[in-house]
Every structure is written in structure tokens, then in C-alpha cells.
Amino acid sequence: MLSLQLGISRVILPTVRNVTRFVSVRPQQIWLKHSCISSSLPRKVSPCTKYFSISSFGCQENREQKPKPSSTKRKSDRKRRTVIEDEQQPSSSPQWEVVAYSTAEEYDLKKLMQGLQQQGLYHPSSMSEDIHDVLHVSARYQVDREPREIYFFREGSVVFWNVSELERKNVLLFLQIYEDESYDKDIVAEGNEKMVYAYTEVFNKTRLMNGRILLNDEGSTDLEKYTFSNALALSVKLATWEASLEKYVDSIEFVVEDLKEVGRIQLSRSDVLKKQGELFSLRHLINLSSDLLDTPDFYWDRENLETLYHKTCNHLNISKRTKVMNEKLNHCVELVELLSRQLTDAHHTRLEWMIIALITVEVGFEVVHLFQG
């Protein structure tokens, strides 16, 4: 028995020593190899990125096994490139977040102002006389030296400056009773935009650099903040329209499959007319009821603000996204027009056969009368 124990100890002790030596020498390598969180989490807040949580990160193996849809993948790729650019340019100056949402087709700003005044947490701030359809409020109670400000745009967008996530959620809940045609929560959460801003003394001029807002450290920056907010509000509104177009495309996808496999249309004329109405309504919102294709009149005599507005729109790819949406809309218009023509031709064919049948019946009666006479 003693000899058996001595034999086992001679085999086990060298193995334990080797494992102990390996763990003591390479603890960091082991952690980096087996940790999926340390290699996935970003090191800092990236500008113009959508909100995400730690639970959305996973191991590389999980991402490869469960690929996301193509549209979501394109958005995430664009945001990840922004994170990498910002990590290469760290800044020691304090910075804050500006977050934009589009929650409805329209806000009732008059009733919203009355509700905010009754609530007593925010007070309206003065704006330029030629700025319309915007409500600017500031928090009455300060948390730090940087003020908390909110811009409400009548077309259903809201932009938060230095407002925490909890406070943003409370404001969005409060805002629901003043909304007209509210959007789904998933569309609102997916379509938000986030950027970071800081103050600078370099050149004493507000600018946009590498996706980061740099405000002038001297004097008022209300007009500059409004300019950035205007571009962000336009971007999130465009994001909701992009989501609406994706839903529309999904709703008519089966029609293309039917034409390819069956060779006939399984929609009625009223259904096609409804699809045409949805399509032209969305097209009207994008090209006629928004500033996607033109610069707002407010910037015509303010060159510096106009430059900031265009730079922010270019950073958010508004022109490119609008062009892509119009191309998709044109394709949908062609498809719906094809469906309408096919149904119209089928209706005309039925009418022709009905006329032929009536003529045949009439000829038959005439033949009967002829033989009877």
C-alpha cells in the first residue's frame, strides 16, 4: 500500500508543478485567450453611434454562428468604423453626449410647453425670431456645471444635450401624450443617433472634427447647438422613414414570388391602390415635406452655421441615404405600376368577355325569333 501511494505521488507532483508554473507565468495570456468580453467592449464612447448595452456583446464564435440580417449588419459596420477612428484620437478634455430620437410624425409644441411648465422641471429658453417649429428648454436643477438642454422639433424629433439615460426615458414617456401618430418603440430605439461634444479654445470657433462636436468656449453657443440638433433631428427622422420603407418592401415581397412562381397576382385592385397610397405618402414625406433635398431658409444668411449644418449632414450620410431611399422608392413604384397595369388589363379582358357573352345571347334570341316567325 505504501509503495502504491509513493508511485502515485511521483506521477502527480510533477504535473501539478508544471501547471502552477504555467499559470503563474502567463495569467494575462490565459485571460485574453478565454475572455470574450475584454476583446469586444469598446474603450470609450463613440460619437454618432446608436445606444447599446453590454449584453449585446458576445464571443466571436457566437457572432459567426448567428449572423444578423444584411441591413442591420451594414449599420453596425458603419458605427464600428466610427469607434475605431475615435479611439485613435483620445482627448483628455471633458465631454458629454448629445442623443436624438424620432418618436412620432408630429408634436403639439403648444400643449407640450404648457405641460413642461406645469411639471416645473424645465423652463423654455429664448430662440432666434426666425426659428420656427422648435421648442428649446433647459433644466431648472443643475447636476454639474454643464447645463442639460432639450430641443423639441415639431416634425416629431427630440434632441438631448447632456441628459442622462434615465432622464431621457422619463422625458420620452412624458412626451407620448403630445405625439401625433407615434412610432413603434423598436423603430425609435433602432433609429436614434448619438454624438459627443466638448468645449475647445483652439481657434475660438465651433466646428465638427472626426465626428466630435467642438463648441466655442467663449460666448453663447445656442445657435450652434440648434444647428447640430437640426441635422441630428433630420437624420433620425430619415432613419424612421428607412424603417418604414423596409416594412413596405417586406409587405410586397410575396408579390414578386407569386409572379415568378405562379405567374399571376393574388391582390385585389383595392389592395394595390392602398399600396400605391402608402408608397406615394412616404415619397411625399421624404421629397416634399422635409429638408432632405434642400437647406433650410434659416441658414441662408448665416454662412458659418450653414457650413456646420452641411458638415454634420455629410457626417451622418444624409444625402447618400436619401439617394438610396429614392432609388428603392423608384423600384417600388415600378413594381406597383406593373401590378396596377396587370389588374387593369385583367379587368378590361373580363369586360370584353362579358360584352361578347351579351352579344352571343342577343344573337341567340334573334335566331330563335327568326325560326319562330
Protein backbone atom coordinates (compact mmCIF):
# COMPACT_ATOMS: atom_id res chain seq x y z
CA MET A 1 0.00 0.00 0.00
CA LEU A 2 2.79 2.41 0.88
CA SER A 3 4.59 1.61 -2.35
CA LEU A 4 1.39 2.31 -4.34
CA GLN A 5 0.98 5.78 -2.71
CA LEU A 6 4.63 6.63 -3.40
CA GLY A 7 4.16 5.69 -7.07
CA ILE A 8 1.06 7.88 -7.44
CA SER A 9 2.83 10.86 -5.78
CA ARG A 10 5.77 10.53 -8.21
CA VAL A 11 3.35 10.84 -11.17
CA ILE A 12 1.06 13.63 -9.87
CA LEU A 13 3.57 16.05 -8.25
CA PRO A 14 5.48 16.93 -11.46
CA THR A 15 2.21 17.62 -13.28
CA VAL A 16 1.00 19.97 -10.51
CA ARG A 17 4.34 21.85 -10.60
CA ASN A 18 4.07 22.36 -14.38
CA VAL A 19 0.50 23.66 -14.18
CA THR A 20 1.40 26.04 -11.33
CA ARG A 21 4.41 27.35 -13.23
CA PHE A 22 2.31 27.91 -16.40
CA VAL A 23 -0.47 29.79 -14.55
CA SER A 24 1.98 31.99 -12.62
CA VAL A 25 3.93 32.93 -15.74
CA ARG A 26 1.08 33.52 -18.24
CA PRO A 27 -2.03 34.73 -16.38
CA GLN A 28 -2.61 37.62 -18.77
CA GLN A 29 -2.35 35.42 -21.86
CA ILE A 30 -4.89 32.99 -20.40
CA TRP A 31 -7.32 35.84 -19.62
CA LEU A 32 -7.00 37.38 -23.07
CA LYS A 33 -7.45 33.99 -24.73
CA HIS A 34 -10.53 32.91 -22.82
CA SER A 35 -12.29 36.23 -22.22
CA CYS A 36 -14.83 37.23 -24.85
CA ILE A 37 -15.79 40.50 -23.14
CA SER A 38 -12.36 42.11 -22.84
CA SER A 39 -11.73 41.82 -26.57
CA SER A 40 -15.21 43.02 -27.58
CA LEU A 41 -16.03 46.02 -25.42
CA PRO A 42 -15.13 49.44 -26.85
CA ARG A 43 -12.71 51.53 -24.83
CA LYS A 44 -14.67 54.78 -24.99
CA VAL A 45 -17.97 56.32 -26.07
CA SER A 46 -18.04 56.77 -29.80
CA PRO A 47 -19.74 59.73 -31.47
CA CYS A 48 -22.82 59.29 -33.64
CA THR A 49 -23.39 55.72 -32.50
CA LYS A 50 -26.65 54.19 -31.51
CA TYR A 51 -27.29 53.20 -27.92
CA PHE A 52 -26.19 49.72 -26.95
CA SER A 53 -25.74 47.69 -23.77
CA ILE A 54 -23.07 45.30 -22.60
CA SER A 55 -25.47 42.40 -23.04
CA SER A 56 -25.34 42.96 -26.81
CA PHE A 57 -21.68 41.91 -26.92
CA GLY A 58 -20.79 38.27 -27.24
CA CYS A 59 -17.94 35.99 -28.20
CA GLN A 60 -16.67 35.98 -31.74
CA GLU A 61 -17.83 32.38 -32.13
CA ASN A 62 -21.44 33.38 -31.28
CA ARG A 63 -21.46 36.22 -33.79
CA GLU A 64 -20.25 33.90 -36.50
CA GLN A 65 -22.87 31.26 -35.71
CA LYS A 66 -25.81 33.72 -35.63
CA PRO A 67 -25.39 36.28 -38.42
CA LYS A 68 -27.74 39.25 -38.37
CA PRO A 69 -29.80 40.47 -41.31
CA SER A 70 -27.95 42.37 -44.01
CA SER A 71 -29.48 45.78 -43.23
CA THR A 72 -28.59 45.61 -39.55
CA LYS A 73 -25.10 44.43 -40.40
CA ARG A 74 -24.49 47.43 -42.67
CA LYS A 75 -25.49 49.83 -39.92
CA SER A 76 -23.30 48.15 -37.30
CA ASP A 77 -20.31 48.16 -39.65
CA ARG A 78 -20.61 51.90 -40.19
CA LYS A 79 -20.79 52.52 -36.46
CA ARG A 80 -17.81 50.31 -35.69
CA ARG A 81 -15.65 52.27 -38.12
CA THR A 82 -16.58 55.42 -36.22
CA VAL A 83 -15.44 53.83 -32.95
CA ILE A 84 -12.04 52.94 -34.39
CA GLU A 85 -11.49 56.45 -35.71
CA ASP A 86 -12.28 57.96 -32.34
CA GLU A 87 -10.04 55.55 -30.43
CA GLN A 88 -7.08 56.75 -32.45
CA GLN A 89 -7.64 60.31 -31.25
CA PRO A 90 -8.11 60.27 -27.47
CA SER A 91 -8.96 63.51 -25.70
CA SER A 92 -8.34 64.44 -22.09
CA SER A 93 -10.91 67.27 -22.08
CA PRO A 94 -14.33 66.51 -20.53
CA GLN A 95 -17.03 65.55 -22.99
CA TRP A 96 -20.77 64.98 -22.91
CA GLU A 97 -23.36 63.18 -25.00
CA VAL A 98 -25.97 64.51 -27.40
CA VAL A 99 -28.67 61.97 -28.32
CA ALA A 100 -31.52 62.33 -30.83
CA TYR A 101 -34.76 60.36 -31.24
CA SER A 102 -37.69 60.47 -33.62
CA THR A 103 -40.80 59.21 -31.83
CA ALA A 104 -43.79 60.46 -33.86
CA GLU A 105 -44.95 62.18 -37.03
CA GLU A 106 -45.58 65.43 -35.18
CA TYR A 107 -45.53 67.10 -31.73
CA ASP A 108 -48.05 69.57 -30.39
CA LEU A 109 -45.48 72.11 -29.19
CA LYS A 110 -48.03 74.50 -27.66
CA LYS A 111 -49.51 71.88 -25.36
CA LEU A 112 -46.05 70.45 -24.74
CA MET A 113 -44.81 73.81 -23.46
CA GLN A 114 -47.78 74.07 -21.13
CA GLY A 115 -47.15 70.57 -19.83
CA LEU A 116 -43.47 71.29 -19.19
CA GLN A 117 -44.32 74.49 -17.33
CA GLN A 118 -46.79 72.63 -15.15
CA GLN A 119 -44.21 69.94 -14.48
CA GLY A 120 -41.74 72.56 -13.26
CA LEU A 121 -38.54 70.70 -14.17
CA TYR A 122 -37.68 72.64 -17.34
CA HIS A 123 -38.04 76.22 -18.42
CA PRO A 124 -38.23 77.44 -22.05
CA SER A 125 -35.20 79.23 -23.46
CA SER A 126 -35.31 82.12 -25.90
CA MET A 127 -34.60 81.37 -29.55
CA SER A 128 -33.99 83.49 -32.63
CA GLU A 129 -37.11 85.10 -34.12
CA ASP A 130 -36.67 83.32 -37.44
CA ILE A 131 -36.51 79.86 -35.82
CA HIS A 132 -39.93 78.26 -36.01
CA ASP A 133 -41.43 74.91 -35.07
CA VAL A 134 -38.78 74.27 -32.37
CA LEU A 135 -39.10 74.29 -28.58
CA HIS A 136 -35.86 74.72 -26.62
CA VAL A 137 -35.92 74.04 -22.86
CA SER A 138 -33.26 73.87 -20.14
CA ALA A 139 -33.30 72.00 -16.83
CA ARG A 140 -34.03 74.11 -13.76
CA TYR A 141 -31.87 71.98 -11.47
CA GLN A 142 -28.22 71.56 -12.41
CA VAL A 143 -26.28 68.35 -11.79
CA ASP A 144 -22.89 69.73 -12.84
CA ARG A 145 -21.56 72.90 -14.46
CA GLU A 146 -22.69 71.78 -17.93
CA PRO A 147 -26.41 72.59 -18.49
CA ARG A 148 -28.95 69.97 -19.61
CA GLU A 149 -30.87 71.10 -22.66
CA ILE A 150 -33.57 69.60 -24.90
CA TYR A 151 -34.71 70.60 -28.40
CA PHE A 152 -38.20 69.51 -29.47
CA PHE A 153 -38.88 69.71 -33.22
CA ARG A 154 -42.46 69.86 -34.44
CA GLU A 155 -41.87 67.11 -37.02
CA GLY A 156 -41.56 64.55 -34.21
CA SER A 157 -37.87 64.60 -33.26
CA VAL A 158 -36.22 65.41 -29.93
CA VAL A 159 -32.52 66.06 -29.21
CA PHE A 160 -30.98 65.79 -25.71
CA TRP A 161 -27.80 67.61 -24.68
CA ASN A 162 -26.06 66.26 -21.57
CA VAL A 163 -29.15 64.35 -20.41
CA SER A 164 -28.73 61.00 -18.68
CA GLU A 165 -30.34 57.84 -19.98
CA LEU A 166 -32.83 57.64 -17.10
CA GLU A 167 -33.93 61.24 -17.61
CA ARG A 168 -34.24 60.68 -21.37
CA LYS A 169 -36.55 57.71 -20.82
CA ASN A 170 -38.73 59.76 -18.45
CA VAL A 171 -38.97 62.62 -20.95
CA LEU A 172 -39.89 60.21 -23.77
CA LEU A 173 -42.67 58.73 -21.63
CA PHE A 174 -43.90 62.22 -20.75
CA LEU A 175 -43.82 63.15 -24.44
CA GLN A 176 -46.21 60.41 -25.57
CA ILE A 177 -49.41 62.34 -24.75
CA TYR A 178 -48.29 65.17 -27.06
CA GLU A 179 -47.46 62.95 -30.02
CA ASP A 180 -49.42 62.52 -33.23
CA GLU A 181 -49.07 59.09 -34.89
CA SER A 182 -46.43 57.66 -32.57
CA TYR A 183 -43.85 55.20 -33.90
CA ASP A 184 -43.15 51.72 -32.57
CA LYS A 185 -40.67 51.50 -29.71
CA ASP A 186 -38.38 49.25 -31.72
CA ILE A 187 -38.16 51.82 -34.53
CA VAL A 188 -37.47 54.61 -32.04
CA ALA A 189 -34.73 52.65 -30.27
CA GLU A 190 -33.10 51.49 -33.50
CA GLY A 191 -33.21 54.87 -35.24
CA ASN A 192 -31.60 57.07 -32.58
CA GLU A 193 -28.32 58.89 -33.15
CA LYS A 194 -25.61 59.67 -30.61
CA MET A 195 -22.62 62.02 -30.74
CA VAL A 196 -20.25 63.52 -28.19
CA TYR A 197 -19.36 67.16 -27.71
CA ALA A 198 -16.78 69.13 -25.79
CA TYR A 199 -15.51 72.69 -25.48
CA THR A 200 -12.36 73.94 -27.15
CA GLU A 201 -10.21 77.05 -27.02
CA VAL A 202 -8.36 76.27 -30.24
CA PHE A 203 -9.14 78.83 -32.98
CA ASN A 204 -12.02 80.03 -30.78
CA LYS A 205 -14.50 78.55 -33.28
CA THR A 206 -17.19 75.87 -33.13
CA ARG A 207 -16.57 73.01 -35.53
CA LEU A 208 -17.08 69.31 -36.22
CA MET A 209 -13.88 67.27 -36.18
CA ASN A 210 -13.75 63.50 -36.73
CA GLY A 211 -17.38 63.08 -35.70
CA ARG A 212 -16.86 65.05 -32.49
CA ILE A 213 -18.61 68.36 -31.79
CA LEU A 214 -16.25 71.05 -30.51
CA LEU A 215 -18.08 74.09 -29.15
CA ASN A 216 -16.66 77.55 -28.68
CA ASP A 217 -15.58 78.04 -25.07
CA GLU A 218 -16.45 81.74 -25.11
CA GLY A 219 -19.85 83.32 -25.60
CA SER A 220 -23.23 81.75 -26.31
CA THR A 221 -23.47 78.53 -28.31
CA ASP A 222 -27.27 78.30 -28.59
CA LEU A 223 -27.34 78.76 -32.37
CA GLU A 224 -24.53 76.24 -32.87
CA LYS A 225 -26.33 73.69 -30.68
CA TYR A 226 -29.52 74.30 -32.63
CA THR A 227 -27.64 73.71 -35.90
CA PHE A 228 -26.24 70.38 -34.75
CA SER A 229 -29.64 69.43 -33.31
CA ASN A 230 -31.33 70.28 -36.59
CA ALA A 231 -29.05 67.92 -38.52
CA LEU A 232 -29.43 65.14 -35.93
CA ALA A 233 -33.22 65.52 -35.92
CA LEU A 234 -33.23 65.20 -39.69
CA SER A 235 -31.06 62.07 -39.51
CA VAL A 236 -33.27 60.24 -37.01
CA LYS A 237 -36.39 61.20 -38.95
CA LEU A 238 -34.79 59.74 -42.06
CA ALA A 239 -33.99 56.58 -40.07
CA THR A 240 -37.69 56.10 -39.23
CA TRP A 241 -38.60 56.51 -42.90
CA GLU A 242 -35.94 53.97 -43.81
CA ALA A 243 -37.53 51.52 -41.36
CA SER A 244 -40.98 52.24 -42.83
CA LEU A 245 -39.67 51.58 -46.34
CA GLU A 246 -38.15 48.28 -45.20
CA LYS A 247 -41.53 47.22 -43.80
CA TYR A 248 -43.19 48.23 -47.06
CA VAL A 249 -40.70 46.20 -49.10
CA ASP A 250 -41.33 43.18 -46.87
CA SER A 251 -45.09 43.57 -47.35
CA ILE A 252 -44.86 43.32 -51.17
CA GLU A 253 -42.11 40.72 -51.35
CA PHE A 254 -44.61 37.86 -51.72
CA VAL A 255 -46.00 39.53 -54.86
CA VAL A 256 -42.67 39.13 -56.63
CA GLU A 257 -42.53 35.47 -55.59
CA ASP A 258 -46.05 34.89 -56.92
CA LEU A 259 -45.19 36.48 -60.26
CA LYS A 260 -42.07 34.35 -60.51
CA GLU A 261 -43.56 31.02 -59.45
CA VAL A 262 -47.31 31.20 -60.17
CA GLY A 263 -47.45 33.83 -62.90
CA ARG A 264 -50.45 35.72 -61.55
CA ILE A 265 -51.27 38.40 -59.00
CA GLN A 266 -53.13 37.45 -55.82
CA LEU A 267 -54.02 41.03 -54.85
CA SER A 268 -57.24 42.88 -55.48
CA ARG A 269 -57.43 46.32 -57.07
CA SER A 270 -58.24 47.93 -53.72
CA ASP A 271 -55.14 46.33 -52.14
CA VAL A 272 -52.95 47.65 -54.95
CA LEU A 273 -54.45 51.13 -54.57
CA LYS A 274 -53.69 51.03 -50.83
CA LYS A 275 -50.08 50.06 -51.57
CA GLN A 276 -49.84 52.92 -54.03
CA GLY A 277 -51.18 55.31 -51.40
CA GLU A 278 -48.62 54.15 -48.81
CA LEU A 279 -45.81 54.49 -51.31
CA PHE A 280 -46.72 57.98 -52.50
CA SER A 281 -47.31 59.14 -48.93
CA LEU A 282 -43.78 58.07 -47.96
CA ARG A 283 -42.37 59.61 -51.11
CA HIS A 284 -44.15 62.88 -50.33
CA LEU A 285 -42.73 62.98 -46.79
CA ILE A 286 -39.17 62.42 -47.97
CA ASN A 287 -39.04 64.71 -51.01
CA LEU A 288 -41.60 67.42 -50.34
CA SER A 289 -42.30 67.72 -46.60
CA SER A 290 -38.72 67.64 -45.31
CA ASP A 291 -35.38 69.41 -45.74
CA LEU A 292 -33.57 66.34 -47.04
CA LEU A 293 -33.12 67.80 -50.52
CA ASP A 294 -32.64 71.44 -49.58
CA THR A 295 -31.02 73.70 -46.99
CA PRO A 296 -33.44 75.34 -44.53
CA ASP A 297 -34.03 79.06 -45.03
CA PHE A 298 -32.59 79.80 -41.59
CA TYR A 299 -29.04 79.22 -42.84
CA TRP A 300 -29.16 81.33 -46.00
CA ASP A 301 -27.67 84.46 -44.36
CA ARG A 302 -25.57 82.57 -41.77
CA GLU A 303 -22.62 81.06 -43.62
CA ASN A 304 -20.84 79.69 -40.54
CA LEU A 305 -23.94 77.87 -39.32
CA GLU A 306 -24.68 76.64 -42.83
CA THR A 307 -21.19 75.14 -43.02
CA LEU A 308 -21.71 73.36 -39.68
CA TYR A 309 -25.10 72.10 -40.85
CA HIS A 310 -23.74 70.66 -44.10
CA LYS A 311 -20.72 69.08 -42.37
CA THR A 312 -22.97 67.37 -39.84
CA CYS A 313 -25.32 66.15 -42.56
CA ASN A 314 -22.37 64.78 -44.51
CA HIS A 315 -21.04 63.04 -41.40
CA LEU A 316 -24.44 61.39 -40.92
CA ASN A 317 -24.59 60.39 -44.64
CA ILE A 318 -27.96 62.07 -45.06
CA SER A 319 -27.54 62.83 -48.79
CA LYS A 320 -26.35 59.32 -49.60
CA ARG A 321 -29.11 57.69 -47.55
CA THR A 322 -31.72 59.90 -49.21
CA LYS A 323 -30.45 58.93 -52.65
CA VAL A 324 -30.58 55.23 -51.77
CA MET A 325 -34.13 55.62 -50.43
CA ASN A 326 -35.29 57.34 -53.61
CA GLU A 327 -33.79 54.56 -55.71
CA LYS A 328 -35.67 51.98 -53.64
CA LEU A 329 -38.83 54.05 -53.93
CA ASN A 330 -38.47 54.19 -57.71
CA HIS A 331 -38.16 50.41 -57.83
CA CYS A 332 -41.26 50.02 -55.66
CA VAL A 333 -43.16 52.50 -57.86
CA GLU A 334 -42.30 50.46 -60.96
CA LEU A 335 -43.48 47.26 -59.28
CA VAL A 336 -46.75 48.76 -58.08
CA GLU A 337 -47.41 50.32 -61.51
CA LEU A 338 -46.83 46.89 -63.06
CA LEU A 339 -49.37 45.37 -60.69
CA SER A 340 -51.85 48.12 -61.46
CA ARG A 341 -51.47 47.63 -65.23
CA GLN A 342 -51.86 43.87 -64.93
CA LEU A 343 -55.03 44.20 -62.86
CA THR A 344 -56.38 46.86 -65.25
CA ASP A 345 -55.74 44.62 -68.26
CA ALA A 346 -57.41 41.71 -66.49
CA HIS A 347 -60.42 43.91 -65.71
CA HIS A 348 -60.65 45.03 -69.36
CA THR A 349 -60.44 41.43 -70.51
CA ARG A 350 -63.33 40.46 -68.23
CA LEU A 351 -65.41 43.34 -69.57
CA GLU A 352 -64.70 42.28 -73.15
CA TRP A 353 -65.77 38.71 -72.43
CA MET A 354 -68.94 39.97 -70.77
CA ILE A 355 -69.75 42.05 -73.85
CA ILE A 356 -69.10 39.07 -76.12
CA ALA A 357 -71.38 36.92 -73.94
CA LEU A 358 -74.15 39.52 -74.08
CA ILE A 359 -73.83 39.80 -77.87
CA THR A 360 -73.98 36.00 -78.16
CA VAL A 361 -77.14 35.85 -76.07
CA GLU A 362 -78.72 38.60 -78.13
CA VAL A 363 -77.85 36.81 -81.39
CA GLY A 364 -79.31 33.61 -79.97
CA PHE A 365 -82.62 35.36 -79.19
CA GLU A 366 -82.74 36.82 -82.67
CA VAL A 367 -82.17 33.38 -84.21
CA VAL A 368 -84.98 31.91 -82.07
CA HIS A 369 -87.35 34.72 -83.09
CA LEU A 370 -86.39 34.20 -86.72
CA PHE A 371 -87.30 30.50 -86.69
CA GLN A 372 -90.49 31.12 -84.74
CA GLY A 373 -91.63 33.72 -87.23
